[in-house]
Amino acid sequence: MKIRSVATAVREGEGLLDTMLDIHFDNGQTILLSLESRMNDPQFIQLHKNGQLTRPRTDGLRVYWQNGPSLSLEEIMAITRGERL
């Protein structure tokens, strides 16, 4: 399974907790992934402060931000399952 596309969805509010990744896979499945698990991560806090959080990219194997952090497919699935990383 590979990531086909990624975008962001913002719930009511404007904080890091209100931002979700809208991840589409090549098999047709979609995940709305909350970034709540990254709310204390300095790299994600900086992305939010710089206005870059809403500009994720994918190379098919991970979601990443230019010159910033990334989330591998394995990390995405673990977060989806509620596992602590």
Protein backbone atom coordinates (compact mmCIF):
# COMPACT_ATOMS: atom_id res chain seq x y z
CA MET A 1 0.00 0.00 0.00
CA LYS A 2 1.27 3.45 -0.92
CA ILE A 3 0.12 6.94 -0.10
CA ARG A 4 -1.45 8.51 -3.18
CA SER A 5 -2.12 12.00 -1.81
CA VAL A 6 -2.22 14.02 1.39
CA ALA A 7 -3.93 17.24 2.39
CA THR A 8 -5.00 18.84 5.64
CA ALA A 9 -8.43 19.27 7.17
CA VAL A 10 -8.96 21.77 9.97
CA ARG A 11 -11.68 21.24 12.54
CA GLU A 12 -13.20 24.21 14.33
CA GLY A 13 -10.30 26.15 15.76
CA GLU A 14 -6.88 26.97 14.49
CA GLY A 15 -4.49 25.03 16.69
CA LEU A 16 -2.30 22.01 16.11
CA LEU A 17 -4.94 19.87 17.84
CA ASP A 18 -7.50 21.01 15.28
CA THR A 19 -5.46 19.93 12.26
CA MET A 20 -5.90 16.52 10.68
CA LEU A 21 -4.12 14.87 7.78
CA ASP A 22 -6.42 13.68 5.00
CA ILE A 23 -4.43 10.73 3.63
CA HIS A 24 -5.53 8.81 0.51
CA PHE A 25 -4.01 5.44 -0.37
CA ASP A 26 -3.63 3.76 -3.74
CA ASN A 27 -6.08 1.03 -2.67
CA GLY A 28 -8.89 3.58 -2.29
CA GLN A 29 -8.81 3.84 1.50
CA THR A 30 -8.71 7.18 3.27
CA ILE A 31 -7.58 8.11 6.78
CA LEU A 32 -8.27 11.33 8.65
CA LEU A 33 -5.33 11.38 11.05
CA SER A 34 -5.37 13.68 14.05
CA LEU A 35 -2.04 15.33 14.83
CA GLU A 36 -2.88 15.35 18.54
CA SER A 37 -0.11 12.81 19.20
CA ARG A 38 2.40 15.36 17.88
CA MET A 39 1.15 18.38 19.84
CA ASN A 40 4.26 18.45 22.08
CA ASP A 41 6.74 17.72 19.29
CA PRO A 42 8.90 20.84 18.73
CA GLN A 43 9.12 20.19 14.97
CA PHE A 44 5.33 20.13 14.59
CA ILE A 45 4.89 23.15 16.86
CA GLN A 46 7.33 25.05 14.63
CA LEU A 47 5.46 23.96 11.48
CA HIS A 48 2.25 25.31 13.00
CA LYS A 49 3.86 28.61 14.03
CA ASN A 50 5.37 29.07 10.57
CA GLY A 51 2.11 28.28 8.78
CA GLN A 52 3.66 25.24 7.08
CA LEU A 53 1.56 22.57 8.81
CA THR A 54 -1.09 22.76 6.11
CA ARG A 55 1.44 22.01 3.34
CA PRO A 56 2.29 18.31 3.69
CA ARG A 57 3.67 16.28 0.80
CA THR A 58 4.08 12.60 0.07
CA ASP A 59 6.51 10.43 -1.83
CA GLY A 60 4.21 7.42 -1.54
CA LEU A 61 6.01 5.97 1.49
CA ARG A 62 5.71 8.84 3.96
CA VAL A 63 4.07 12.18 4.61
CA TYR A 64 6.63 14.93 4.99
CA TRP A 65 7.07 18.66 5.17
CA GLN A 66 9.81 20.34 3.18
CA ASN A 67 12.82 20.86 5.47
CA GLY A 68 10.75 19.46 8.34
CA PRO A 69 9.51 16.29 9.99
CA SER A 70 7.98 13.26 8.33
CA LEU A 71 5.64 10.42 9.22
CA SER A 72 6.37 7.02 7.70
CA LEU A 73 3.57 4.74 6.56
CA GLU A 74 4.33 2.56 9.60
CA GLU A 75 4.03 5.55 11.96
CA ILE A 76 0.76 6.62 10.32
CA MET A 77 -0.72 3.15 10.81
CA ALA A 78 0.51 2.97 14.43
CA ILE A 79 -1.08 6.36 15.22
CA THR A 80 -4.30 5.18 13.56
CA ARG A 81 -4.30 2.12 15.84
CA GLY A 82 -3.79 4.35 18.88
CA GLU A 83 -0.28 3.09 19.63
CA ARG A 84 2.11 5.38 21.42
CA LEU A 85 5.30 6.14 19.54
